[in-house]
């Protein structure tokens, strides 16, 4: 039976993080990554802070001081991936993050489809900063449902990358360069369940796997809008309420697309709440997901908005 796919121009948007120290986390993301506070006076409202580049909200920091940090083996966020429009913009942000005393540099890689640098924020949330290579250079194998994009983890020396691409103008205009949420990568308990939920039910296309330990999915032929792995979390059950990931926001073109997804969830017996414009539900590991119709995808200017808790 064919799977109903998500629309081609489905995209990722604002990621909510539950944070223990709102002020410290806001300082980190503004000072290290060059994000700016967007909505409300000083970017602050009762639900927390909205941070982004230009008019595009990338992160919502929701205060949750009474919650504990998640264990590394629990399901939840692996990283939020911020996508930059040029190598010079990426290099400027990487240099800024590397200089910040509260950043933990994790590594870098040439994935063939993209160039990526990895950091961890002060509360242990993973961050990927990346640039997409032209789609014309991406390579695929197979056809139809078996089609997979070719990705790899090749060396990407950070010092040489900054030498090649960092410019004084880019460093000085750090906060002016646009960025979007390119993808969200989760830690889950098992890959088969992830595929059944994110591909067979939600309608993402499987774009790649990694030795039965990771799954990459997308809409519209992107290399991946979401990924799931079991590298640290194999066998993990549903999450408890902890610091870390609060919500994944997915955008679709229209309210009809929200309704179609709500019908698929209903058919699959998944609890959901739909207003016709937005749809809320949880994945098998209790990660909160919201799908909004008529909202722009990552990298396109968005109006700052409030996320209900």
Protein backbone atom coordinates (compact mmCIF):
# COMPACT_ATOMS: atom_id res chain seq x y z
CA UNK A 1 0.00 0.00 0.00
CA UNK A 2 1.59 3.36 -1.02
CA UNK A 3 2.50 5.73 1.80
CA UNK A 4 0.95 9.20 1.75
CA UNK A 5 3.96 11.49 1.64
CA UNK A 6 4.39 14.86 3.28
CA UNK A 7 4.31 17.79 0.81
CA UNK A 8 7.49 18.52 -1.13
CA UNK A 9 8.04 21.90 0.54
CA UNK A 10 7.67 20.63 4.09
CA UNK A 11 10.31 22.25 6.29
CA UNK A 12 11.65 22.54 9.82
CA UNK A 13 11.16 25.59 12.01
CA UNK A 14 11.67 26.81 15.60
CA UNK A 15 13.01 24.21 18.04
CA UNK A 16 11.94 24.59 21.67
CA UNK A 17 14.49 23.81 24.38
CA UNK A 18 13.51 23.51 28.03
CA UNK A 19 16.31 25.23 29.91
CA UNK A 20 17.33 25.34 33.56
CA UNK A 21 19.10 28.70 33.46
CA UNK A 22 17.30 30.94 30.97
CA UNK A 23 19.63 33.92 31.27
CA UNK A 24 22.81 31.87 30.91
CA UNK A 25 21.48 29.94 27.95
CA UNK A 26 20.28 33.13 26.25
CA UNK A 27 23.72 34.69 26.73
CA UNK A 28 25.36 31.63 25.22
CA UNK A 29 23.23 31.57 22.08
CA UNK A 30 23.49 35.32 21.54
CA UNK A 31 27.21 35.62 22.29
CA UNK A 32 28.47 32.32 20.84
CA UNK A 33 26.15 31.86 17.85
CA UNK A 34 25.16 35.43 17.12
CA UNK A 35 21.43 34.88 17.59
CA UNK A 36 19.19 37.78 18.55
CA UNK A 37 16.15 38.03 20.79
CA UNK A 38 13.08 38.48 18.63
CA UNK A 39 9.56 38.54 20.09
CA UNK A 40 8.24 40.87 22.78
CA UNK A 41 10.16 43.41 24.86
CA UNK A 42 13.76 42.25 24.85
CA UNK A 43 12.58 39.03 23.20
CA UNK A 44 10.96 37.97 26.45
CA UNK A 45 7.46 36.78 27.22
CA UNK A 46 6.00 34.49 29.94
CA UNK A 47 6.86 31.41 27.87
CA UNK A 48 10.55 32.33 27.55
CA UNK A 49 12.77 33.77 24.84
CA UNK A 50 12.75 33.50 21.05
CA UNK A 51 16.14 33.69 19.38
CA UNK A 52 17.00 33.85 15.72
CA UNK A 53 18.75 35.53 12.82
CA UNK A 54 17.06 38.44 11.09
CA UNK A 55 13.33 37.80 11.43
CA UNK A 56 13.67 34.00 11.47
CA UNK A 57 13.12 32.41 14.91
CA UNK A 58 15.41 29.42 15.33
CA UNK A 59 15.17 28.57 19.02
CA UNK A 60 12.57 29.04 21.73
CA UNK A 61 14.14 28.84 25.19
CA UNK A 62 11.41 27.81 27.64
CA UNK A 63 12.27 28.19 31.36
CA UNK A 64 12.03 24.92 33.30
CA UNK A 65 14.25 25.43 36.33
CA UNK A 66 12.79 22.53 38.34
CA UNK A 67 13.60 19.82 35.80
CA UNK A 68 16.69 17.60 35.75
CA UNK A 69 19.16 17.16 32.91
CA UNK A 70 18.48 14.03 30.84
CA UNK A 71 20.92 11.13 31.01
CA UNK A 72 23.01 10.58 27.84
CA UNK A 73 21.25 7.23 27.30
CA UNK A 74 17.73 8.67 27.31
CA UNK A 75 15.70 9.42 24.20
CA UNK A 76 15.47 13.06 23.18
CA UNK A 77 17.54 15.58 21.26
CA UNK A 78 20.80 14.60 19.58
CA UNK A 79 21.24 17.99 17.95
CA UNK A 80 19.51 20.97 16.39
CA UNK A 81 21.08 21.71 13.01
CA UNK A 82 21.31 25.34 11.90
CA UNK A 83 21.73 25.81 8.16
CA UNK A 84 23.71 28.74 6.71
CA UNK A 85 23.50 30.18 3.21
CA UNK A 86 27.22 30.49 2.56
CA UNK A 87 30.51 29.04 3.71
CA UNK A 88 31.63 32.47 4.93
CA UNK A 89 28.53 32.82 7.16
CA UNK A 90 29.11 29.31 8.51
CA UNK A 91 32.80 30.00 9.14
CA UNK A 92 32.04 33.21 11.03
CA UNK A 93 29.60 31.40 13.33
CA UNK A 94 31.93 28.45 13.86
CA UNK A 95 34.76 30.83 14.81
CA UNK A 96 32.51 32.67 17.25
CA UNK A 97 31.27 29.44 18.84
CA UNK A 98 34.81 28.05 19.11
CA UNK A 99 36.01 31.16 20.97
CA UNK A 100 33.20 31.05 23.54
CA UNK A 101 34.29 29.63 26.93
CA UNK A 102 30.99 27.76 27.42
CA UNK A 103 31.12 25.97 24.06
CA UNK A 104 32.23 22.37 23.82
CA UNK A 105 33.54 21.59 20.35
CA UNK A 106 32.59 18.03 19.33
CA UNK A 107 33.93 17.69 15.80
CA UNK A 108 33.47 18.38 12.11
CA UNK A 109 32.76 16.38 8.96
CA UNK A 110 32.35 16.62 5.23
CA UNK A 111 29.14 14.65 4.67
CA UNK A 112 29.39 14.94 0.85
CA UNK A 113 26.03 16.73 0.80
CA UNK A 114 27.06 19.25 3.45
CA UNK A 115 29.89 20.59 5.59
CA UNK A 116 29.19 20.46 9.32
CA UNK A 117 30.65 21.52 12.67
CA UNK A 118 29.35 20.22 16.00
CA UNK A 119 29.14 21.85 19.43
CA UNK A 120 27.37 21.28 22.73
CA UNK A 121 25.67 24.11 24.65
CA UNK A 122 26.10 24.67 28.42
CA UNK A 123 23.14 22.37 29.27
CA UNK A 124 24.28 19.54 27.02
CA UNK A 125 22.12 20.17 23.95
CA UNK A 126 23.81 19.25 20.69
CA UNK A 127 24.23 21.87 17.95
CA UNK A 128 25.19 21.34 14.32
CA UNK A 129 26.24 24.32 12.22
CA UNK A 130 26.29 23.46 8.52
CA UNK A 131 26.31 24.51 4.89
CA UNK A 132 24.65 22.55 2.08
CA UNK A 133 26.65 21.80 -1.04
CA UNK A 134 24.73 22.40 -4.31
CA UNK A 135 22.01 19.79 -4.88
CA UNK A 136 23.48 19.13 -8.31
CA UNK A 137 26.48 17.54 -6.57
CA UNK A 138 24.41 15.19 -4.37
CA UNK A 139 24.48 11.55 -5.44
CA UNK A 140 21.76 8.94 -4.98
CA UNK A 141 21.65 5.16 -5.34
CA UNK A 142 18.67 2.99 -6.21
CA UNK A 143 15.21 4.05 -7.34
CA UNK A 144 11.76 4.43 -5.80
CA UNK A 145 11.41 3.43 -2.12
CA UNK A 146 14.92 1.96 -2.13
CA UNK A 147 16.55 5.21 -3.25
CA UNK A 148 19.21 6.46 -0.81
CA UNK A 149 21.38 9.54 -0.74
CA UNK A 150 25.12 9.00 -0.45
CA UNK A 151 26.53 10.60 2.69
CA UNK A 152 29.80 10.04 4.52
CA UNK A 153 31.93 11.34 7.41
CA UNK A 154 35.06 12.63 5.70
CA UNK A 155 37.68 14.80 7.35
CA UNK A 156 36.96 18.53 7.48
CA UNK A 157 39.87 20.23 9.28
CA UNK A 158 38.39 23.23 11.11
CA UNK A 159 41.50 25.43 11.09
CA UNK A 160 41.90 25.08 7.32
CA UNK A 161 38.17 25.68 6.79
CA UNK A 162 38.33 28.95 8.72
CA UNK A 163 41.48 30.00 6.87
CA UNK A 164 39.78 29.35 3.54
CA UNK A 165 36.38 30.88 4.27
CA UNK A 166 36.42 33.29 7.22
CA UNK A 167 36.49 36.94 6.21
CA UNK A 168 36.64 40.06 8.31
CA UNK A 169 33.36 41.24 6.80
CA UNK A 170 31.61 37.97 7.69
CA UNK A 171 32.89 38.06 11.26
CA UNK A 172 31.76 41.68 11.64
CA UNK A 173 28.31 40.91 10.23
CA UNK A 174 27.75 37.78 12.29
CA UNK A 175 24.23 38.72 13.42
CA UNK A 176 23.13 39.87 9.97
CA UNK A 177 23.65 36.59 8.12
CA UNK A 178 20.53 34.53 7.63
CA UNK A 179 20.10 30.99 8.95
CA UNK A 180 17.35 28.43 9.34
CA UNK A 181 16.66 25.18 11.15
CA UNK A 182 17.82 22.73 8.50
CA UNK A 183 17.09 19.50 10.37
CA UNK A 184 16.52 18.01 13.80
CA UNK A 185 18.33 14.84 14.91
CA UNK A 186 16.86 12.71 17.72
CA UNK A 187 18.06 9.94 20.01
CA UNK A 188 15.53 7.07 19.98
CA UNK A 189 15.17 3.55 21.33
CA UNK A 190 15.12 1.58 18.07
CA UNK A 191 15.26 2.27 14.35
CA UNK A 192 12.41 -0.01 13.23
CA UNK A 193 9.94 1.87 15.44
CA UNK A 194 11.33 5.19 14.21
CA UNK A 195 10.80 4.16 10.59
CA UNK A 196 7.27 2.92 11.29
CA UNK A 197 6.38 6.26 12.85
CA UNK A 198 8.26 8.88 10.85
CA UNK A 199 8.08 7.19 7.44
CA UNK A 200 5.10 4.83 7.38
CA UNK A 201 2.79 7.07 9.45
CA UNK A 202 3.95 10.69 9.14
CA UNK A 203 4.94 10.39 5.49
CA UNK A 204 8.59 11.39 5.42
CA UNK A 205 10.67 9.56 2.81
CA UNK A 206 13.57 7.42 3.99
CA UNK A 207 16.71 8.89 2.45
CA UNK A 208 19.48 6.92 4.18
CA UNK A 209 20.34 4.48 6.93
CA UNK A 210 23.51 3.81 8.87
CA UNK A 211 24.20 0.13 9.67
CA UNK A 212 20.84 -0.26 11.40
CA UNK A 213 21.86 2.39 13.93
CA UNK A 214 20.54 5.56 12.31
CA UNK A 215 17.73 6.64 10.00
CA UNK A 216 17.55 9.79 7.85
CA UNK A 217 14.23 11.05 6.47
CA UNK A 218 13.07 14.03 4.42
CA UNK A 219 10.40 15.57 2.22
CA UNK A 220 10.91 16.84 -1.33
CA UNK A 221 14.27 15.20 -1.98
CA UNK A 222 16.27 16.98 0.75
CA UNK A 223 19.09 14.92 2.27
CA UNK A 224 17.29 14.90 5.63
CA UNK A 225 14.86 17.04 7.59
CA UNK A 226 14.98 14.67 10.55
CA UNK A 227 17.25 11.87 11.72
CA UNK A 228 17.09 9.31 14.50
CA UNK A 229 19.89 7.24 16.00
CA UNK A 230 20.49 4.66 18.74
CA UNK A 231 24.20 5.34 19.21
CA UNK A 232 23.73 6.22 22.90
CA UNK A 233 20.08 5.33 23.49
CA UNK A 234 19.37 1.82 22.15
CA UNK A 235 16.38 0.38 24.03
CA UNK A 236 15.35 3.74 25.51
CA UNK A 237 11.69 4.04 26.43
CA UNK A 238 9.43 7.12 26.45
CA UNK A 239 11.03 10.27 27.87
CA UNK A 240 10.24 11.71 31.24
CA UNK A 241 9.84 15.46 31.59
CA UNK A 242 13.42 16.75 31.58
CA UNK A 243 15.46 19.65 30.39
CA UNK A 244 16.39 19.49 26.72
CA UNK A 245 14.04 19.09 23.82
CA UNK A 246 10.65 20.73 24.34
CA UNK A 247 9.14 20.68 20.85
CA UNK A 248 9.96 20.02 17.20
CA UNK A 249 8.09 22.31 14.81
CA UNK A 250 7.41 21.15 11.24
CA UNK A 251 5.86 23.40 8.60
CA UNK A 252 3.63 22.31 5.72
CA UNK A 253 2.19 24.53 2.97
CA UNK A 254 -1.51 24.55 3.85
CA UNK A 255 -4.22 23.66 6.36
CA UNK A 256 -5.31 20.81 4.06
CA UNK A 257 -1.91 19.22 4.62
CA UNK A 258 -2.45 19.43 8.38
CA UNK A 259 -5.85 17.76 8.00
CA UNK A 260 -4.40 14.97 5.87
CA UNK A 261 -1.73 14.25 8.47
CA UNK A 262 -4.32 14.34 11.27
CA UNK A 263 -6.31 11.70 9.38
CA UNK A 264 -3.24 9.46 9.06
CA UNK A 265 -2.55 9.78 12.78
CA UNK A 266 -6.19 8.98 13.59
CA UNK A 267 -6.06 5.90 11.35
CA UNK A 268 -2.87 4.79 13.14
CA UNK A 269 -4.50 5.27 16.54
CA UNK A 270 -2.13 8.03 17.63
CA UNK A 271 -3.45 10.61 20.07
CA UNK A 272 -3.42 14.09 18.60
CA UNK A 273 -4.91 17.56 18.93
CA UNK A 274 -5.73 19.56 15.82
CA UNK A 275 -7.12 23.07 15.40
CA UNK A 276 -7.20 22.76 11.60
CA UNK A 277 -4.22 25.07 11.32
CA UNK A 278 -1.86 23.23 13.62
CA UNK A 279 -1.55 19.66 14.82
CA UNK A 280 0.12 18.46 18.03
CA UNK A 281 1.15 14.89 18.86
CA UNK A 282 4.00 12.86 20.38
CA UNK A 283 6.30 10.28 18.87
CA UNK A 284 6.89 6.83 20.44
CA UNK A 285 9.54 8.33 22.77
CA UNK A 286 7.26 11.12 24.04
CA UNK A 287 8.93 13.85 21.97
CA UNK A 288 6.44 16.65 21.34
CA UNK A 289 5.88 17.51 17.67
CA UNK A 290 3.80 20.33 16.22
CA UNK A 291 2.89 20.68 12.54
CA UNK A 292 1.71 24.07 11.29
CA UNK A 293 0.07 24.77 7.95
CA UNK A 294 0.76 27.85 5.88
CA UNK A 295 4.04 28.67 7.67
CA UNK A 296 7.30 29.25 5.77
CA UNK A 297 10.01 26.64 5.90
CA UNK A 298 13.53 27.01 7.28
CA UNK A 299 15.64 29.80 5.86
CA UNK A 300 12.66 31.96 4.88
CA UNK A 301 11.74 34.96 7.01
CA UNK A 302 9.16 34.06 9.63
CA UNK A 303 7.17 36.14 12.06
CA UNK A 304 8.15 35.44 15.69
CA UNK A 305 5.37 33.54 17.39
CA UNK A 306 4.46 32.07 20.75
CA UNK A 307 4.61 28.35 21.31
CA UNK A 308 2.04 27.08 23.81
CA UNK A 309 3.46 24.79 26.45
